């Protein structure tokens, strides 16, 4: 199964990588790896994650306060947000 990022989710992801890389060299790469591990878990177990709405689920990212907000379709996963869990909840809803 393939996945793709909503444009705003990709921007969030890139900014978070930059933030962590600025905090400590190599931490941005570690964050990116954890996000991709979470996406792989979503692909392997699409129904295992917390429902956020009728068609949207959240998979938590290990080691970082982020969640992958996604919609699982029959042949792909759409990443709606790489959500910083410290932000206001549901800010991503207009992307659905």
PDB file of N, CA and C in Angstrom:
ATOM      1  N   UNK A   1       0.851  -1.172   0.000  1.00  0.00           N
ATOM      2  CA  UNK A   1       0.000   0.000   0.000  1.00  0.00           C
ATOM      3  C   UNK A   1       0.901   1.241   0.000  1.00  0.00           C
ATOM      4  N   UNK A   2       0.506   2.241  -0.743  1.00  0.00           N
ATOM      5  CA  UNK A   2       1.267   3.482  -0.831  1.00  0.00           C
ATOM      6  C   UNK A   2       0.671   4.523   0.112  1.00  0.00           C
ATOM      7  N   UNK A   3       1.429   5.593   0.332  1.00  0.00           N
ATOM      8  CA  UNK A   3       0.925   6.701   1.132  1.00  0.00           C
ATOM      9  C   UNK A   3       1.359   8.006   0.475  1.00  0.00           C
ATOM     10  N   UNK A   4       0.629   9.045   0.794  1.00  0.00           N
ATOM     11  CA  UNK A   4       1.061  10.370   0.368  1.00  0.00           C
ATOM     12  C   UNK A   4       0.630  11.391   1.399  1.00  0.00           C
ATOM     13  N   UNK A   5       1.351  12.508   1.415  1.00  0.00           N
ATOM     14  CA  UNK A   5       1.116  13.585   2.360  1.00  0.00           C
ATOM     15  C   UNK A   5       0.210  14.652   1.751  1.00  0.00           C
ATOM     16  N   UNK A   6      -0.745  15.117   2.523  1.00  0.00           N
ATOM     17  CA  UNK A   6      -1.447  16.353   2.195  1.00  0.00           C
ATOM     18  C   UNK A   6      -0.366  17.434   2.169  1.00  0.00           C
ATOM     19  N   UNK A   7      -0.503  18.410   1.318  1.00  0.00           N
ATOM     20  CA  UNK A   7       0.512  19.457   1.177  1.00  0.00           C
ATOM     21  C   UNK A   7       0.864  20.113   2.513  1.00  0.00           C
ATOM     22  N   UNK A   8      -0.142  20.432   3.316  1.00  0.00           N
ATOM     23  CA  UNK A   8       0.106  21.060   4.615  1.00  0.00           C
ATOM     24  C   UNK A   8       0.785  20.101   5.591  1.00  0.00           C
ATOM     25  N   UNK A   9       0.474  18.825   5.487  1.00  0.00           N
ATOM     26  CA  UNK A   9       1.114  17.828   6.350  1.00  0.00           C
ATOM     27  C   UNK A   9       2.596  17.715   6.008  1.00  0.00           C
ATOM     28  N   UNK A  10       2.904  17.776   4.733  1.00  0.00           N
ATOM     29  CA  UNK A  10       4.309  17.710   4.325  1.00  0.00           C
ATOM     30  C   UNK A  10       5.078  18.926   4.843  1.00  0.00           C
ATOM     31  N   UNK A  11       4.459  20.081   4.803  1.00  0.00           N
ATOM     32  CA  UNK A  11       5.076  21.295   5.343  1.00  0.00           C
ATOM     33  C   UNK A  11       5.304  21.158   6.846  1.00  0.00           C
ATOM     34  N   UNK A  12       4.308  20.653   7.569  1.00  0.00           N
ATOM     35  CA  UNK A  12       4.457  20.425   9.016  1.00  0.00           C
ATOM     36  C   UNK A  12       5.623  19.482   9.299  1.00  0.00           C
ATOM     37  N   UNK A  13       5.691  18.427   8.542  1.00  0.00           N
ATOM     38  CA  UNK A  13       6.735  17.423   8.703  1.00  0.00           C
ATOM     39  C   UNK A  13       8.112  18.060   8.495  1.00  0.00           C
ATOM     40  N   UNK A  14       8.261  18.799   7.403  1.00  0.00           N
ATOM     41  CA  UNK A  14       9.540  19.452   7.108  1.00  0.00           C
ATOM     42  C   UNK A  14       9.939  20.442   8.201  1.00  0.00           C
ATOM     43  N   UNK A  15       8.984  21.218   8.686  1.00  0.00           N
ATOM     44  CA  UNK A  15       9.276  22.202   9.741  1.00  0.00           C
ATOM     45  C   UNK A  15       9.683  21.517  11.045  1.00  0.00           C
ATOM     46  N   UNK A  16       9.018  20.420  11.360  1.00  0.00           N
ATOM     47  CA  UNK A  16       9.368  19.694  12.585  1.00  0.00           C
ATOM     48  C   UNK A  16      10.772  19.095  12.472  1.00  0.00           C
ATOM     49  N   UNK A  17      11.113  18.581  11.307  1.00  0.00           N
ATOM     50  CA  UNK A  17      12.470  18.054  11.098  1.00  0.00           C
ATOM     51  C   UNK A  17      13.489  19.166  11.325  1.00  0.00           C
ATOM     52  N   UNK A  18      13.248  20.333  10.739  1.00  0.00           N
ATOM     53  CA  UNK A  18      14.157  21.468  10.899  1.00  0.00           C
ATOM     54  C   UNK A  18      14.269  21.885  12.368  1.00  0.00           C
ATOM     55  N   UNK A  19      13.129  21.926  13.057  1.00  0.00           N
ATOM     56  CA  UNK A  19      13.123  22.305  14.470  1.00  0.00           C
ATOM     57  C   UNK A  19      14.002  21.360  15.286  1.00  0.00           C
ATOM     58  N   UNK A  20      13.811  20.062  15.114  1.00  0.00           N
ATOM     59  CA  UNK A  20      14.577  19.096  15.892  1.00  0.00           C
ATOM     60  C   UNK A  20      16.045  19.086  15.483  1.00  0.00           C
ATOM     61  N   UNK A  21      16.316  19.310  14.216  1.00  0.00           N
ATOM     62  CA  UNK A  21      17.701  19.359  13.765  1.00  0.00           C
ATOM     63  C   UNK A  21      18.413  20.578  14.347  1.00  0.00           C
ATOM     64  N   UNK A  22      17.704  21.709  14.452  1.00  0.00           N
ATOM     65  CA  UNK A  22      18.276  22.905  15.078  1.00  0.00           C
ATOM     66  C   UNK A  22      18.528  22.684  16.570  1.00  0.00           C
ATOM     67  N   UNK A  23      17.669  21.887  17.188  1.00  0.00           N
ATOM     68  CA  UNK A  23      17.817  21.613  18.619  1.00  0.00           C
ATOM     69  C   UNK A  23      19.053  20.759  18.890  1.00  0.00           C
ATOM     70  N   UNK A  24      19.274  19.767  18.018  1.00  0.00           N
ATOM     71  CA  UNK A  24      20.447  18.896  18.178  1.00  0.00           C
ATOM     72  C   UNK A  24      20.739  18.219  16.848  1.00  0.00           C
ATOM     73  N   UNK A  25      21.960  18.259  16.448  1.00  0.00           N
ATOM     74  CA  UNK A  25      22.363  17.639  15.187  1.00  0.00           C
ATOM     75  C   UNK A  25      21.997  16.153  15.183  1.00  0.00           C
ATOM     76  N   UNK A  26      21.295  15.745  14.147  1.00  0.00           N
ATOM     77  CA  UNK A  26      20.885  14.343  14.024  1.00  0.00           C
ATOM     78  C   UNK A  26      19.494  14.058  14.555  1.00  0.00           C
ATOM     79  N   UNK A  27      18.968  14.946  15.406  1.00  0.00           N
ATOM     80  CA  UNK A  27      17.646  14.701  15.991  1.00  0.00           C
ATOM     81  C   UNK A  27      16.545  14.823  14.940  1.00  0.00           C
ATOM     82  N   UNK A  28      16.726  15.692  13.963  1.00  0.00           N
ATOM     83  CA  UNK A  28      15.747  15.811  12.880  1.00  0.00           C
ATOM     84  C   UNK A  28      15.612  14.504  12.114  1.00  0.00           C
ATOM     85  N   UNK A  29      16.733  13.864  11.833  1.00  0.00           N
ATOM     86  CA  UNK A  29      16.711  12.570  11.150  1.00  0.00           C
ATOM     87  C   UNK A  29      16.033  11.515  12.014  1.00  0.00           C
ATOM     88  N   UNK A  30      16.310  11.522  13.309  1.00  0.00           N
ATOM     89  CA  UNK A  30      15.666  10.566  14.214  1.00  0.00           C
ATOM     90  C   UNK A  30      14.152  10.771  14.221  1.00  0.00           C
ATOM     91  N   UNK A  31      13.727  12.035  14.234  1.00  0.00           N
ATOM     92  CA  UNK A  31      12.292  12.329  14.183  1.00  0.00           C
ATOM     93  C   UNK A  31      11.689  11.791  12.885  1.00  0.00           C
ATOM     94  N   UNK A  32      12.327  12.078  11.760  1.00  0.00           N
ATOM     95  CA  UNK A  32      11.817  11.607  10.464  1.00  0.00           C
ATOM     96  C   UNK A  32      11.704  10.092  10.436  1.00  0.00           C
ATOM     97  N   UNK A  33      12.691   9.405  10.978  1.00  0.00           N
ATOM     98  CA  UNK A  33      12.645   7.942  11.016  1.00  0.00           C
ATOM     99  C   UNK A  33      11.464   7.444  11.836  1.00  0.00           C
ATOM    100  N   UNK A  34      11.210   8.076  12.973  1.00  0.00           N
ATOM    101  CA  UNK A  34      10.083   7.667  13.817  1.00  0.00           C
ATOM    102  C   UNK A  34       8.743   7.913  13.111  1.00  0.00           C
ATOM    103  N   UNK A  35       8.645   9.005  12.368  1.00  0.00           N
ATOM    104  CA  UNK A  35       7.420   9.279  11.608  1.00  0.00           C
ATOM    105  C   UNK A  35       7.211   8.191  10.568  1.00  0.00           C
ATOM    106  N   UNK A  36       8.262   7.820   9.845  1.00  0.00           N
ATOM    107  CA  UNK A  36       8.115   6.781   8.829  1.00  0.00           C
ATOM    108  C   UNK A  36       7.810   5.415   9.444  1.00  0.00           C
ATOM    109  N   UNK A  37       8.323   5.148  10.632  1.00  0.00           N
ATOM    110  CA  UNK A  37       7.966   3.908  11.345  1.00  0.00           C
ATOM    111  C   UNK A  37       6.469   3.919  11.666  1.00  0.00           C
ATOM    112  N   UNK A  38       5.969   5.060  12.128  1.00  0.00           N
ATOM    113  CA  UNK A  38       4.534   5.174  12.437  1.00  0.00           C
ATOM    114  C   UNK A  38       3.693   4.970  11.176  1.00  0.00           C
ATOM    115  N   UNK A  39       4.109   5.558  10.070  1.00  0.00           N
ATOM    116  CA  UNK A  39       3.372   5.382   8.806  1.00  0.00           C
ATOM    117  C   UNK A  39       3.378   3.914   8.395  1.00  0.00           C
ATOM    118  N   UNK A  40       4.499   3.245   8.578  1.00  0.00           N
ATOM    119  CA  UNK A  40       4.583   1.813   8.256  1.00  0.00           C
ATOM    120  C   UNK A  40       3.615   1.017   9.125  1.00  0.00           C
ATOM    121  N   UNK A  41       3.508   1.383  10.407  1.00  0.00           N
ATOM    122  CA  UNK A  41       2.552   0.695  11.293  1.00  0.00           C
ATOM    123  C   UNK A  41       1.116   0.911  10.809  1.00  0.00           C
ATOM    124  N   UNK A  42       0.815   2.121  10.361  1.00  0.00           N
ATOM    125  CA  UNK A  42      -0.530   2.407   9.836  1.00  0.00           C
ATOM    126  C   UNK A  42      -0.809   1.525   8.618  1.00  0.00           C
ATOM    127  N   UNK A  43       0.148   1.409   7.742  1.00  0.00           N
ATOM    128  CA  UNK A  43      -0.028   0.588   6.536  1.00  0.00           C
ATOM    129  C   UNK A  43      -0.222  -0.879   6.905  1.00  0.00           C
ATOM    130  N   UNK A  44       0.539  -1.367   7.878  1.00  0.00           N
ATOM    131  CA  UNK A  44       0.445  -2.771   8.279  1.00  0.00           C
ATOM    132  C   UNK A  44      -0.835  -3.086   9.049  1.00  0.00           C
ATOM    133  N   UNK A  45      -1.280  -2.152   9.865  1.00  0.00           N
ATOM    134  CA  UNK A  45      -2.448  -2.368  10.719  1.00  0.00           C
ATOM    135  C   UNK A  45      -3.400  -1.176  10.610  1.00  0.00           C
ATOM    136  N   UNK A  46      -4.064  -1.008   9.480  1.00  0.00           N
ATOM    137  CA  UNK A  46      -4.827   0.213   9.217  1.00  0.00           C
ATOM    138  C   UNK A  46      -5.983   0.492  10.176  1.00  0.00           C
ATOM    139  N   UNK A  47      -6.540  -0.508  10.807  1.00  0.00           N
ATOM    140  CA  UNK A  47      -7.687  -0.290  11.689  1.00  0.00           C
ATOM    141  C   UNK A  47      -7.315  -0.233  13.174  1.00  0.00           C
ATOM    142  N   UNK A  48      -6.032  -0.269  13.479  1.00  0.00           N
ATOM    143  CA  UNK A  48      -5.591  -0.379  14.868  1.00  0.00           C
ATOM    144  C   UNK A  48      -5.505   0.956  15.607  1.00  0.00           C
ATOM    145  N   UNK A  49      -5.699   2.055  14.942  1.00  0.00           N
ATOM    146  CA  UNK A  49      -5.389   3.363  15.530  1.00  0.00           C
ATOM    147  C   UNK A  49      -6.628   4.091  15.989  1.00  0.00           C
ATOM    148  N   UNK A  50      -6.421   5.020  16.882  1.00  0.00           N
ATOM    149  CA  UNK A  50      -7.523   5.766  17.495  1.00  0.00           C
ATOM    150  C   UNK A  50      -8.322   6.539  16.456  1.00  0.00           C
ATOM    151  N   UNK A  51      -9.641   6.330  16.411  1.00  0.00           N
ATOM    152  CA  UNK A  51     -10.458   7.116  15.487  1.00  0.00           C
ATOM    153  C   UNK A  51     -10.551   8.566  15.953  1.00  0.00           C
ATOM    154  N   UNK A  52     -10.391   9.472  15.004  1.00  0.00           N
ATOM    155  CA  UNK A  52     -10.507  10.904  15.280  1.00  0.00           C
ATOM    156  C   UNK A  52     -11.815  11.444  14.707  1.00  0.00           C
ATOM    157  N   UNK A  53     -12.301  10.769  13.682  1.00  0.00           N
ATOM    158  CA  UNK A  53     -13.592  11.058  13.064  1.00  0.00           C
ATOM    159  C   UNK A  53     -14.012   9.782  12.338  1.00  0.00           C
ATOM    160  N   UNK A  54     -15.086   9.843  11.594  1.00  0.00           N
ATOM    161  CA  UNK A  54     -15.594   8.643  10.924  1.00  0.00           C
ATOM    162  C   UNK A  54     -14.541   7.986  10.018  1.00  0.00           C
ATOM    163  N   UNK A  55     -13.768   8.777   9.292  1.00  0.00           N
ATOM    164  CA  UNK A  55     -12.815   8.234   8.325  1.00  0.00           C
ATOM    165  C   UNK A  55     -11.360   8.556   8.641  1.00  0.00           C
ATOM    166  N   UNK A  56     -11.102   9.084   9.816  1.00  0.00           N
ATOM    167  CA  UNK A  56      -9.754   9.551  10.134  1.00  0.00           C
ATOM    168  C   UNK A  56      -9.262   8.897  11.421  1.00  0.00           C
ATOM    169  N   UNK A  57      -7.979   8.514  11.411  1.00  0.00           N
ATOM    170  CA  UNK A  57      -7.370   7.867  12.569  1.00  0.00           C
ATOM    171  C   UNK A  57      -6.065   8.553  12.941  1.00  0.00           C
ATOM    172  N   UNK A  58      -5.613   8.293  14.175  1.00  0.00           N
ATOM    173  CA  UNK A  58      -4.349   8.870  14.642  1.00  0.00           C
ATOM    174  C   UNK A  58      -3.441   7.771  15.170  1.00  0.00           C
ATOM    175  N   UNK A  59      -2.216   7.764  14.689  1.00  0.00           N
ATOM    176  CA  UNK A  59      -1.170   6.866  15.179  1.00  0.00           C
ATOM    177  C   UNK A  59      -0.104   7.733  15.835  1.00  0.00           C
ATOM    178  N   UNK A  60       0.218   7.432  17.075  1.00  0.00           N
ATOM    179  CA  UNK A  60       1.214   8.216  17.796  1.00  0.00           C
ATOM    180  C   UNK A  60       2.621   7.880  17.310  1.00  0.00           C
ATOM    181  N   UNK A  61       3.475   8.894  17.297  1.00  0.00           N
ATOM    182  CA  UNK A  61       4.873   8.739  16.921  1.00  0.00           C
ATOM    183  C   UNK A  61       5.669   8.459  18.194  1.00  0.00           C
ATOM    184  N   UNK A  62       6.492   7.436  18.165  1.00  0.00           N
ATOM    185  CA  UNK A  62       7.315   7.102  19.332  1.00  0.00           C
ATOM    186  C   UNK A  62       8.350   8.190  19.579  1.00  0.00           C
ATOM    187  N   UNK A  63       8.621   8.460  20.866  1.00  0.00           N
ATOM    188  CA  UNK A  63       9.670   9.366  21.342  1.00  0.00           C
ATOM    189  C   UNK A  63       9.394  10.850  21.144  1.00  0.00           C
ATOM    190  N   UNK A  64       8.401  11.214  20.352  1.00  0.00           N
ATOM    191  CA  UNK A  64       8.136  12.615  20.061  1.00  0.00           C
ATOM    192  C   UNK A  64       6.652  12.900  20.273  1.00  0.00           C
ATOM    193  N   UNK A  65       6.302  14.134  20.653  1.00  0.00           N
ATOM    194  CA  UNK A  65       4.889  14.453  20.922  1.00  0.00           C
ATOM    195  C   UNK A  65       4.110  14.760  19.639  1.00  0.00           C
ATOM    196  N   UNK A  66       4.080  13.799  18.733  1.00  0.00           N
ATOM    197  CA  UNK A  66       3.422  13.961  17.447  1.00  0.00           C
ATOM    198  C   UNK A  66       2.532  12.758  17.166  1.00  0.00           C
ATOM    199  N   UNK A  67       1.532  12.998  16.349  1.00  0.00           N
ATOM    200  CA  UNK A  67       0.664  11.933  15.873  1.00  0.00           C
ATOM    201  C   UNK A  67       0.491  12.055  14.376  1.00  0.00           C
ATOM    202  N   UNK A  68       0.342  10.920  13.725  1.00  0.00           N
ATOM    203  CA  UNK A  68       0.065  10.889  12.297  1.00  0.00           C
ATOM    204  C   UNK A  68      -1.448  10.808  12.152  1.00  0.00           C
ATOM    205  N   UNK A  69      -2.050  11.849  11.601  1.00  0.00           N
ATOM    206  CA  UNK A  69      -3.487  11.860  11.337  1.00  0.00           C
ATOM    207  C   UNK A  69      -3.660  11.419   9.902  1.00  0.00           C
ATOM    208  N   UNK A  70      -4.436  10.368   9.682  1.00  0.00           N
ATOM    209  CA  UNK A  70      -4.509   9.808   8.340  1.00  0.00           C
ATOM    210  C   UNK A  70      -5.891   9.251   8.024  1.00  0.00           C
ATOM    211  N   UNK A  71      -6.090   9.063   6.723  1.00  0.00           N
ATOM    212  CA  UNK A  71      -7.265   8.367   6.216  1.00  0.00           C
ATOM    213  C   UNK A  71      -6.754   7.158   5.453  1.00  0.00           C
ATOM    214  N   UNK A  72      -7.285   5.989   5.775  1.00  0.00           N
ATOM    215  CA  UNK A  72      -6.883   4.758   5.106  1.00  0.00           C
ATOM    216  C   UNK A  72      -7.932   4.427   4.063  1.00  0.00           C
ATOM    217  N   UNK A  73      -7.493   4.345   2.832  1.00  0.00           N
ATOM    218  CA  UNK A  73      -8.356   3.962   1.712  1.00  0.00           C
ATOM    219  C   UNK A  73      -7.996   2.536   1.317  1.00  0.00           C
ATOM    220  N   UNK A  74      -8.670   2.002   0.326  1.00  0.00           N
ATOM    221  CA  UNK A  74      -8.435   0.606  -0.047  1.00  0.00           C
ATOM    222  C   UNK A  74      -7.026   0.361  -0.583  1.00  0.00           C
ATOM    223  N   UNK A  75      -6.434   1.338  -1.271  1.00  0.00           N
ATOM    224  CA  UNK A  75      -5.125   1.112  -1.864  1.00  0.00           C
ATOM    225  C   UNK A  75      -4.076   2.164  -1.504  1.00  0.00           C
ATOM    226  N   UNK A  76      -4.393   3.073  -0.590  1.00  0.00           N
ATOM    227  CA  UNK A  76      -3.415   4.073  -0.161  1.00  0.00           C
ATOM    228  C   UNK A  76      -3.793   4.651   1.197  1.00  0.00           C
ATOM    229  N   UNK A  77      -2.821   5.324   1.795  1.00  0.00           N
ATOM    230  CA  UNK A  77      -3.016   6.049   3.044  1.00  0.00           C
ATOM    231  C   UNK A  77      -2.734   7.514   2.755  1.00  0.00           C
ATOM    232  N   UNK A  78      -3.647   8.359   3.141  1.00  0.00           N
ATOM    233  CA  UNK A  78      -3.485   9.807   2.973  1.00  0.00           C
ATOM    234  C   UNK A  78      -3.126  10.395   4.330  1.00  0.00           C
ATOM    235  N   UNK A  79      -1.939  10.997   4.430  1.00  0.00           N
ATOM    236  CA  UNK A  79      -1.491  11.630   5.669  1.00  0.00           C
ATOM    237  C   UNK A  79      -2.077  13.040   5.696  1.00  0.00           C
ATOM    238  N   UNK A  80      -3.004  13.278   6.595  1.00  0.00           N
ATOM    239  CA  UNK A  80      -3.685  14.564   6.710  1.00  0.00           C
ATOM    240  C   UNK A  80      -2.847  15.558   7.496  1.00  0.00           C
ATOM    241  N   UNK A  81      -2.164  15.076   8.545  1.00  0.00           N
ATOM    242  CA  UNK A  81      -1.360  15.965   9.380  1.00  0.00           C
ATOM    243  C   UNK A  81      -0.257  15.170  10.073  1.00  0.00           C
ATOM    244  N   UNK A  82       0.869  15.821  10.248  1.00  0.00           N
ATOM    245  CA  UNK A  82       1.908  15.358  11.162  1.00  0.00           C
ATOM    246  C   UNK A  82       1.760  16.317  12.334  1.00  0.00           C
ATOM    247  N   UNK A  83       0.871  15.933  13.235  1.00  0.00           N
ATOM    248  CA  UNK A  83       0.328  16.854  14.232  1.00  0.00           C
ATOM    249  C   UNK A  83       1.151  16.886  15.509  1.00  0.00           C
ATOM    250  N   UNK A  84       1.594  18.086  15.857  1.00  0.00           N
ATOM    251  CA  UNK A  84       2.209  18.328  17.153  1.00  0.00           C
ATOM    252  C   UNK A  84       1.072  18.256  18.174  1.00  0.00           C
ATOM    253  N   UNK A  85       1.122  17.304  19.065  1.00  0.00           N
ATOM    254  CA  UNK A  85       0.031  17.069  20.004  1.00  0.00           C
ATOM    255  C   UNK A  85      -0.096  18.151  21.063  1.00  0.00           C
ATOM    256  N   UNK A  86       0.849  19.070  21.075  1.00  0.00           N
ATOM    257  CA  UNK A  86       0.769  20.193  22.010  1.00  0.00           C
ATOM    258  C   UNK A  86       0.000  21.369  21.405  1.00  0.00           C
ATOM    259  N   UNK A  87      -0.317  21.284  20.112  1.00  0.00           N
ATOM    260  CA  UNK A  87      -1.095  22.336  19.444  1.00  0.00           C
ATOM    261  C   UNK A  87      -2.564  22.174  19.767  1.00  0.00           C
ATOM    262  N   UNK A  88      -3.347  23.141  19.330  1.00  0.00           N
ATOM    263  CA  UNK A  88      -4.786  23.038  19.538  1.00  0.00           C
ATOM    264  C   UNK A  88      -5.319  21.793  18.815  1.00  0.00           C
ATOM    265  N   UNK A  89      -6.195  21.067  19.437  1.00  0.00           N
ATOM    266  CA  UNK A  89      -6.713  19.835  18.823  1.00  0.00           C
ATOM    267  C   UNK A  89      -7.583  20.140  17.610  1.00  0.00           C
ATOM    268  N   UNK A  90      -7.591  19.228  16.698  1.00  0.00           N
ATOM    269  CA  UNK A  90      -8.457  19.259  15.516  1.00  0.00           C
ATOM    270  C   UNK A  90      -8.200  20.414  14.569  1.00  0.00           C
ATOM    271  N   UNK A  91      -7.070  21.075  14.633  1.00  0.00           N
ATOM    272  CA  UNK A  91      -6.755  22.172  13.716  1.00  0.00           C
ATOM    273  C   UNK A  91      -6.714  21.706  12.261  1.00  0.00           C
ATOM    274  N   UNK A  92      -6.519  20.436  12.044  1.00  0.00           N
ATOM    275  CA  UNK A  92      -6.353  19.846  10.723  1.00  0.00           C
ATOM    276  C   UNK A  92      -7.668  19.483  10.057  1.00  0.00           C
ATOM    277  N   UNK A  93      -8.790  19.598  10.731  1.00  0.00           N
ATOM    278  CA  UNK A  93     -10.084  19.108  10.220  1.00  0.00           C
ATOM    279  C   UNK A  93     -10.481  19.683   8.866  1.00  0.00           C
ATOM    280  N   UNK A  94     -10.076  20.908   8.560  1.00  0.00           N
ATOM    281  CA  UNK A  94     -10.466  21.491   7.264  1.00  0.00           C
ATOM    282  C   UNK A  94      -9.708  20.860   6.095  1.00  0.00           C
ATOM    283  N   UNK A  95      -8.744  19.988   6.371  1.00  0.00           N
ATOM    284  CA  UNK A  95      -7.990  19.295   5.319  1.00  0.00           C
ATOM    285  C   UNK A  95      -8.704  18.032   4.827  1.00  0.00           C
ATOM    286  N   UNK A  96      -9.669  17.593   5.581  1.00  0.00           N
ATOM    287  CA  UNK A  96     -10.358  16.326   5.266  1.00  0.00           C
ATOM    288  C   UNK A  96     -11.376  16.547   4.158  1.00  0.00           C
TER     289      UNK A  96
END
